[in-house]
């Protein structure tokens, strides 16, 4: 597996969507490649942060204010 292949597979791996037969080659590559290991760490942190952020629900007052502004735009 090349670094480019590894980068393409990381998002699917982190989200649990990478096919089982592709997981071992990815893990083997990261065992051997410190750059991809670091890229994976950063990618996982970003995806976790984004997932947590997307679960935030704005207060009703803010939702209403934004809806009002958009309706009057």
PDB file of N, CA and C in Angstrom:
ATOM      1  N   UNK A   1       0.853  -1.180   0.000  1.00  0.00           N
ATOM      2  CA  UNK A   1       0.000   0.000   0.000  1.00  0.00           C
ATOM      3  C   UNK A   1       0.893   1.235   0.000  1.00  0.00           C
ATOM      4  N   UNK A   2       0.549   2.192  -0.828  1.00  0.00           N
ATOM      5  CA  UNK A   2       1.288   3.447  -0.884  1.00  0.00           C
ATOM      6  C   UNK A   2       0.713   4.428   0.133  1.00  0.00           C
ATOM      7  N   UNK A   3       1.436   5.501   0.375  1.00  0.00           N
ATOM      8  CA  UNK A   3       0.936   6.544   1.272  1.00  0.00           C
ATOM      9  C   UNK A   3      -0.357   7.142   0.723  1.00  0.00           C
ATOM     10  N   UNK A   4      -0.419   7.329  -0.580  1.00  0.00           N
ATOM     11  CA  UNK A   4      -1.632   7.877  -1.189  1.00  0.00           C
ATOM     12  C   UNK A   4      -2.826   6.958  -0.950  1.00  0.00           C
ATOM     13  N   UNK A   5      -2.629   5.652  -1.122  1.00  0.00           N
ATOM     14  CA  UNK A   5      -3.701   4.688  -0.853  1.00  0.00           C
ATOM     15  C   UNK A   5      -4.123   4.748   0.614  1.00  0.00           C
ATOM     16  N   UNK A   6      -3.141   4.832   1.493  1.00  0.00           N
ATOM     17  CA  UNK A   6      -3.434   4.884   2.924  1.00  0.00           C
ATOM     18  C   UNK A   6      -4.274   6.108   3.254  1.00  0.00           C
ATOM     19  N   UNK A   7      -3.901   7.265   2.711  1.00  0.00           N
ATOM     20  CA  UNK A   7      -4.644   8.493   2.983  1.00  0.00           C
ATOM     21  C   UNK A   7      -6.081   8.378   2.485  1.00  0.00           C
ATOM     22  N   UNK A   8      -6.270   7.747   1.338  1.00  0.00           N
ATOM     23  CA  UNK A   8      -7.612   7.588   0.790  1.00  0.00           C
ATOM     24  C   UNK A   8      -8.481   6.670   1.648  1.00  0.00           C
ATOM     25  N   UNK A   9      -7.860   5.716   2.337  1.00  0.00           N
ATOM     26  CA  UNK A   9      -8.607   4.749   3.146  1.00  0.00           C
ATOM     27  C   UNK A   9      -8.837   5.180   4.595  1.00  0.00           C
ATOM     28  N   UNK A  10      -8.098   6.168   5.055  1.00  0.00           N
ATOM     29  CA  UNK A  10      -8.163   6.531   6.474  1.00  0.00           C
ATOM     30  C   UNK A  10      -9.536   7.013   6.926  1.00  0.00           C
ATOM     31  N   UNK A  11     -10.174   7.860   6.147  1.00  0.00           N
ATOM     32  CA  UNK A  11     -11.478   8.383   6.551  1.00  0.00           C
ATOM     33  C   UNK A  11     -12.496   7.247   6.701  1.00  0.00           C
ATOM     34  N   UNK A  12     -12.478   6.325   5.737  1.00  0.00           N
ATOM     35  CA  UNK A  12     -13.398   5.195   5.809  1.00  0.00           C
ATOM     36  C   UNK A  12     -13.087   4.315   7.015  1.00  0.00           C
ATOM     37  N   UNK A  13     -11.808   4.130   7.311  1.00  0.00           N
ATOM     38  CA  UNK A  13     -11.430   3.322   8.470  1.00  0.00           C
ATOM     39  C   UNK A  13     -11.932   3.970   9.755  1.00  0.00           C
ATOM     40  N   UNK A  14     -11.694   5.256   9.899  1.00  0.00           N
ATOM     41  CA  UNK A  14     -12.079   5.967  11.115  1.00  0.00           C
ATOM     42  C   UNK A  14     -13.591   5.937  11.307  1.00  0.00           C
ATOM     43  N   UNK A  15     -14.341   6.042  10.207  1.00  0.00           N
ATOM     44  CA  UNK A  15     -15.802   6.046  10.320  1.00  0.00           C
ATOM     45  C   UNK A  15     -16.390   4.635  10.331  1.00  0.00           C
ATOM     46  N   UNK A  16     -15.528   3.608  10.290  1.00  0.00           N
ATOM     47  CA  UNK A  16     -15.997   2.230  10.362  1.00  0.00           C
ATOM     48  C   UNK A  16     -16.549   1.696   9.050  1.00  0.00           C
ATOM     49  N   UNK A  17     -16.209   2.349   7.937  1.00  0.00           N
ATOM     50  CA  UNK A  17     -16.748   1.962   6.639  1.00  0.00           C
ATOM     51  C   UNK A  17     -15.733   1.265   5.734  1.00  0.00           C
ATOM     52  N   UNK A  18     -14.520   1.081   6.203  1.00  0.00           N
ATOM     53  CA  UNK A  18     -13.498   0.435   5.374  1.00  0.00           C
ATOM     54  C   UNK A  18     -13.703  -1.073   5.393  1.00  0.00           C
ATOM     55  N   UNK A  19     -13.704  -1.682   4.215  1.00  0.00           N
ATOM     56  CA  UNK A  19     -13.890  -3.126   4.109  1.00  0.00           C
ATOM     57  C   UNK A  19     -12.822  -3.859   4.922  1.00  0.00           C
ATOM     58  N   UNK A  20     -13.217  -4.971   5.502  1.00  0.00           N
ATOM     59  CA  UNK A  20     -12.325  -5.734   6.377  1.00  0.00           C
ATOM     60  C   UNK A  20     -11.023  -6.113   5.687  1.00  0.00           C
ATOM     61  N   UNK A  21     -11.086  -6.484   4.414  1.00  0.00           N
ATOM     62  CA  UNK A  21      -9.875  -6.911   3.717  1.00  0.00           C
ATOM     63  C   UNK A  21      -8.914  -5.754   3.435  1.00  0.00           C
ATOM     64  N   UNK A  22      -9.372  -4.519   3.580  1.00  0.00           N
ATOM     65  CA  UNK A  22      -8.503  -3.356   3.373  1.00  0.00           C
ATOM     66  C   UNK A  22      -7.907  -2.833   4.675  1.00  0.00           C
ATOM     67  N   UNK A  23      -8.431  -3.294   5.815  1.00  0.00           N
ATOM     68  CA  UNK A  23      -7.960  -2.780   7.104  1.00  0.00           C
ATOM     69  C   UNK A  23      -6.538  -3.223   7.431  1.00  0.00           C
ATOM     70  N   UNK A  24      -6.234  -4.494   7.242  1.00  0.00           N
ATOM     71  CA  UNK A  24      -4.893  -4.981   7.583  1.00  0.00           C
ATOM     72  C   UNK A  24      -3.808  -4.304   6.752  1.00  0.00           C
ATOM     73  N   UNK A  25      -3.968  -4.186   5.425  1.00  0.00           N
ATOM     74  CA  UNK A  25      -2.927  -3.471   4.664  1.00  0.00           C
ATOM     75  C   UNK A  25      -2.738  -2.030   5.145  1.00  0.00           C
ATOM     76  N   UNK A  26      -3.813  -1.369   5.525  1.00  0.00           N
ATOM     77  CA  UNK A  26      -3.701  -0.002   6.046  1.00  0.00           C
ATOM     78  C   UNK A  26      -2.923   0.005   7.350  1.00  0.00           C
ATOM     79  N   UNK A  27      -3.273  -0.888   8.271  1.00  0.00           N
ATOM     80  CA  UNK A  27      -2.577  -0.951   9.563  1.00  0.00           C
ATOM     81  C   UNK A  27      -1.106  -1.329   9.376  1.00  0.00           C
ATOM     82  N   UNK A  28      -0.842  -2.271   8.477  1.00  0.00           N
ATOM     83  CA  UNK A  28       0.550  -2.658   8.207  1.00  0.00           C
ATOM     84  C   UNK A  28       1.348  -1.475   7.673  1.00  0.00           C
ATOM     85  N   UNK A  29       0.735  -0.707   6.776  1.00  0.00           N
ATOM     86  CA  UNK A  29       1.430   0.454   6.218  1.00  0.00           C
ATOM     87  C   UNK A  29       1.730   1.474   7.318  1.00  0.00           C
ATOM     88  N   UNK A  30       0.746   1.738   8.174  1.00  0.00           N
ATOM     89  CA  UNK A  30       0.967   2.735   9.231  1.00  0.00           C
ATOM     90  C   UNK A  30       1.996   2.257  10.253  1.00  0.00           C
ATOM     91  N   UNK A  31       2.099   0.946  10.445  1.00  0.00           N
ATOM     92  CA  UNK A  31       3.148   0.421  11.329  1.00  0.00           C
ATOM     93  C   UNK A  31       4.535   0.768  10.791  1.00  0.00           C
ATOM     94  N   UNK A  32       4.654   0.827   9.474  1.00  0.00           N
ATOM     95  CA  UNK A  32       5.949   1.067   8.834  1.00  0.00           C
ATOM     96  C   UNK A  32       6.205   2.531   8.472  1.00  0.00           C
ATOM     97  N   UNK A  33       5.152   3.358   8.458  1.00  0.00           N
ATOM     98  CA  UNK A  33       5.290   4.725   7.941  1.00  0.00           C
ATOM     99  C   UNK A  33       4.912   5.761   9.010  1.00  0.00           C
ATOM    100  N   UNK A  34       5.902   6.407   9.617  1.00  0.00           N
ATOM    101  CA  UNK A  34       5.597   7.388  10.660  1.00  0.00           C
ATOM    102  C   UNK A  34       4.808   8.592  10.134  1.00  0.00           C
ATOM    103  N   UNK A  35       5.017   8.966   8.865  1.00  0.00           N
ATOM    104  CA  UNK A  35       4.267  10.095   8.313  1.00  0.00           C
ATOM    105  C   UNK A  35       2.778   9.779   8.220  1.00  0.00           C
ATOM    106  N   UNK A  36       2.462   8.585   7.766  1.00  0.00           N
ATOM    107  CA  UNK A  36       1.050   8.198   7.674  1.00  0.00           C
ATOM    108  C   UNK A  36       0.437   8.000   9.057  1.00  0.00           C
ATOM    109  N   UNK A  37       1.225   7.489   9.989  1.00  0.00           N
ATOM    110  CA  UNK A  37       0.739   7.338  11.369  1.00  0.00           C
ATOM    111  C   UNK A  37       0.341   8.688  11.929  1.00  0.00           C
ATOM    112  N   UNK A  38       1.162   9.712  11.708  1.00  0.00           N
ATOM    113  CA  UNK A  38       0.860  11.061  12.190  1.00  0.00           C
ATOM    114  C   UNK A  38      -0.325  11.648  11.439  1.00  0.00           C
ATOM    115  N   UNK A  39      -0.390  11.444  10.144  1.00  0.00           N
ATOM    116  CA  UNK A  39      -1.525  11.921   9.359  1.00  0.00           C
ATOM    117  C   UNK A  39      -2.817  11.273   9.852  1.00  0.00           C
ATOM    118  N   UNK A  40      -2.753   9.984  10.150  1.00  0.00           N
ATOM    119  CA  UNK A  40      -3.914   9.265  10.680  1.00  0.00           C
ATOM    120  C   UNK A  40      -4.346   9.856  12.018  1.00  0.00           C
ATOM    121  N   UNK A  41      -3.395  10.111  12.896  1.00  0.00           N
ATOM    122  CA  UNK A  41      -3.706  10.680  14.216  1.00  0.00           C
ATOM    123  C   UNK A  41      -4.411  12.021  14.051  1.00  0.00           C
ATOM    124  N   UNK A  42      -3.877  12.871  13.190  1.00  0.00           N
ATOM    125  CA  UNK A  42      -4.478  14.181  12.966  1.00  0.00           C
ATOM    126  C   UNK A  42      -5.866  14.060  12.330  1.00  0.00           C
ATOM    127  N   UNK A  43      -5.997  13.173  11.372  1.00  0.00           N
ATOM    128  CA  UNK A  43      -7.275  12.972  10.700  1.00  0.00           C
ATOM    129  C   UNK A  43      -8.329  12.464  11.679  1.00  0.00           C
ATOM    130  N   UNK A  44      -7.958  11.517  12.524  1.00  0.00           N
ATOM    131  CA  UNK A  44      -8.892  10.986  13.521  1.00  0.00           C
ATOM    132  C   UNK A  44      -9.322  12.085  14.488  1.00  0.00           C
ATOM    133  N   UNK A  45      -8.383  12.920  14.917  1.00  0.00           N
ATOM    134  CA  UNK A  45      -8.719  14.028  15.828  1.00  0.00           C
ATOM    135  C   UNK A  45      -9.679  15.009  15.174  1.00  0.00           C
ATOM    136  N   UNK A  46      -9.436  15.330  13.910  1.00  0.00           N
ATOM    137  CA  UNK A  46     -10.308  16.268  13.200  1.00  0.00           C
ATOM    138  C   UNK A  46     -11.704  15.671  13.041  1.00  0.00           C
ATOM    139  N   UNK A  47     -11.786  14.412  12.628  1.00  0.00           N
ATOM    140  CA  UNK A  47     -13.096  13.784  12.444  1.00  0.00           C
ATOM    141  C   UNK A  47     -13.861  13.697  13.760  1.00  0.00           C
ATOM    142  N   UNK A  48     -13.179  13.393  14.849  1.00  0.00           N
ATOM    143  CA  UNK A  48     -13.832  13.323  16.157  1.00  0.00           C
ATOM    144  C   UNK A  48     -14.340  14.698  16.574  1.00  0.00           C
ATOM    145  N   UNK A  49     -13.522  15.716  16.378  1.00  0.00           N
ATOM    146  CA  UNK A  49     -13.925  17.080  16.725  1.00  0.00           C
ATOM    147  C   UNK A  49     -15.129  17.512  15.901  1.00  0.00           C
ATOM    148  N   UNK A  50     -15.097  17.235  14.606  1.00  0.00           N
ATOM    149  CA  UNK A  50     -16.213  17.618  13.742  1.00  0.00           C
ATOM    150  C   UNK A  50     -17.487  16.868  14.121  1.00  0.00           C
ATOM    151  N   UNK A  51     -17.375  15.573  14.406  1.00  0.00           N
ATOM    152  CA  UNK A  51     -18.543  14.785  14.808  1.00  0.00           C
ATOM    153  C   UNK A  51     -19.140  15.348  16.102  1.00  0.00           C
ATOM    154  N   UNK A  52     -18.287  15.678  17.059  1.00  0.00           N
ATOM    155  CA  UNK A  52     -18.764  16.254  18.320  1.00  0.00           C
ATOM    156  C   UNK A  52     -19.424  17.605  18.080  1.00  0.00           C
ATOM    157  N   UNK A  53     -18.834  18.420  17.221  1.00  0.00           N
ATOM    158  CA  UNK A  53     -19.377  19.746  16.919  1.00  0.00           C
ATOM    159  C   UNK A  53     -20.735  19.638  16.241  1.00  0.00           C
ATOM    160  N   UNK A  54     -20.876  18.682  15.339  1.00  0.00           N
ATOM    161  CA  UNK A  54     -22.121  18.536  14.594  1.00  0.00           C
ATOM    162  C   UNK A  54     -23.281  18.104  15.498  1.00  0.00           C
ATOM    163  N   UNK A  55     -22.975  17.587  16.662  1.00  0.00           N
ATOM    164  CA  UNK A  55     -24.022  17.163  17.582  1.00  0.00           C
ATOM    165  C   UNK A  55     -24.521  18.319  18.450  1.00  0.00           C
ATOM    166  N   UNK A  56     -23.873  19.469  18.355  1.00  0.00           N
ATOM    167  CA  UNK A  56     -24.274  20.645  19.122  1.00  0.00           C
ATOM    168  C   UNK A  56     -25.594  21.162  18.573  1.00  0.00           C
ATOM    169  N   UNK A  57     -26.517  21.450  19.461  1.00  0.00           N
ATOM    170  CA  UNK A  57     -27.808  21.998  19.049  1.00  0.00           C
ATOM    171  C   UNK A  57     -27.892  23.426  19.579  1.00  0.00           C
ATOM    172  N   UNK A  58     -28.110  24.347  18.676  1.00  0.00           N
ATOM    173  CA  UNK A  58     -28.205  25.759  19.048  1.00  0.00           C
ATOM    174  C   UNK A  58     -29.455  25.983  19.899  1.00  0.00           C
ATOM    175  N   UNK A  59     -29.394  26.928  20.844  1.00  0.00           N
ATOM    176  CA  UNK A  59     -30.574  27.259  21.648  1.00  0.00           C
ATOM    177  C   UNK A  59     -31.722  27.738  20.750  1.00  0.00           C
ATOM    178  N   UNK A  60     -32.939  27.512  21.190  1.00  0.00           N
ATOM    179  CA  UNK A  60     -34.119  27.889  20.398  1.00  0.00           C
ATOM    180  C   UNK A  60     -34.119  29.371  20.039  1.00  0.00           C
ATOM    181  N   UNK A  61     -33.669  30.220  20.945  1.00  0.00           N
ATOM    182  CA  UNK A  61     -33.640  31.656  20.667  1.00  0.00           C
ATOM    183  C   UNK A  61     -32.748  31.962  19.467  1.00  0.00           C
ATOM    184  N   UNK A  62     -31.610  31.307  19.416  1.00  0.00           N
ATOM    185  CA  UNK A  62     -30.691  31.506  18.304  1.00  0.00           C
ATOM    186  C   UNK A  62     -31.291  30.948  17.007  1.00  0.00           C
ATOM    187  N   UNK A  63     -31.882  29.788  17.075  1.00  0.00           N
ATOM    188  CA  UNK A  63     -32.525  29.200  15.895  1.00  0.00           C
ATOM    189  C   UNK A  63     -33.604  30.134  15.351  1.00  0.00           C
ATOM    190  N   UNK A  64     -34.421  30.676  16.253  1.00  0.00           N
ATOM    191  CA  UNK A  64     -35.489  31.578  15.840  1.00  0.00           C
ATOM    192  C   UNK A  64     -34.930  32.874  15.226  1.00  0.00           C
ATOM    193  N   UNK A  65     -33.881  33.400  15.829  1.00  0.00           N
ATOM    194  CA  UNK A  65     -33.291  34.630  15.324  1.00  0.00           C
ATOM    195  C   UNK A  65     -32.702  34.420  13.925  1.00  0.00           C
ATOM    196  N   UNK A  66     -32.009  33.325  13.725  1.00  0.00           N
ATOM    197  CA  UNK A  66     -31.421  33.033  12.418  1.00  0.00           C
ATOM    198  C   UNK A  66     -32.536  32.799  11.390  1.00  0.00           C
ATOM    199  N   UNK A  67     -33.563  32.067  11.768  1.00  0.00           N
ATOM    200  CA  UNK A  67     -34.685  31.834  10.854  1.00  0.00           C
ATOM    201  C   UNK A  67     -35.349  33.135  10.456  1.00  0.00           C
ATOM    202  N   UNK A  68     -35.517  34.035  11.411  1.00  0.00           N
ATOM    203  CA  UNK A  68     -36.130  35.332  11.136  1.00  0.00           C
ATOM    204  C   UNK A  68     -35.284  36.157  10.178  1.00  0.00           C
ATOM    205  N   UNK A  69     -33.987  36.154  10.413  1.00  0.00           N
ATOM    206  CA  UNK A  69     -33.083  36.913   9.540  1.00  0.00           C
ATOM    207  C   UNK A  69     -33.116  36.339   8.125  1.00  0.00           C
ATOM    208  N   UNK A  70     -33.097  35.023   8.004  1.00  0.00           N
ATOM    209  CA  UNK A  70     -33.115  34.411   6.681  1.00  0.00           C
ATOM    210  C   UNK A  70     -34.446  34.633   5.965  1.00  0.00           C
ATOM    211  N   UNK A  71     -35.524  34.644   6.712  1.00  0.00           N
ATOM    212  CA  UNK A  71     -36.838  34.863   6.114  1.00  0.00           C
ATOM    213  C   UNK A  71     -36.985  36.282   5.595  1.00  0.00           C
ATOM    214  N   UNK A  72     -36.306  37.237   6.211  1.00  0.00           N
ATOM    215  CA  UNK A  72     -36.413  38.639   5.833  1.00  0.00           C
ATOM    216  C   UNK A  72     -35.297  39.075   4.879  1.00  0.00           C
ATOM    217  N   UNK A  73     -34.449  38.146   4.494  1.00  0.00           N
ATOM    218  CA  UNK A  73     -33.323  38.514   3.606  1.00  0.00           C
ATOM    219  C   UNK A  73     -33.749  38.619   2.168  1.00  0.00           C
TER     220      UNK A  73
END
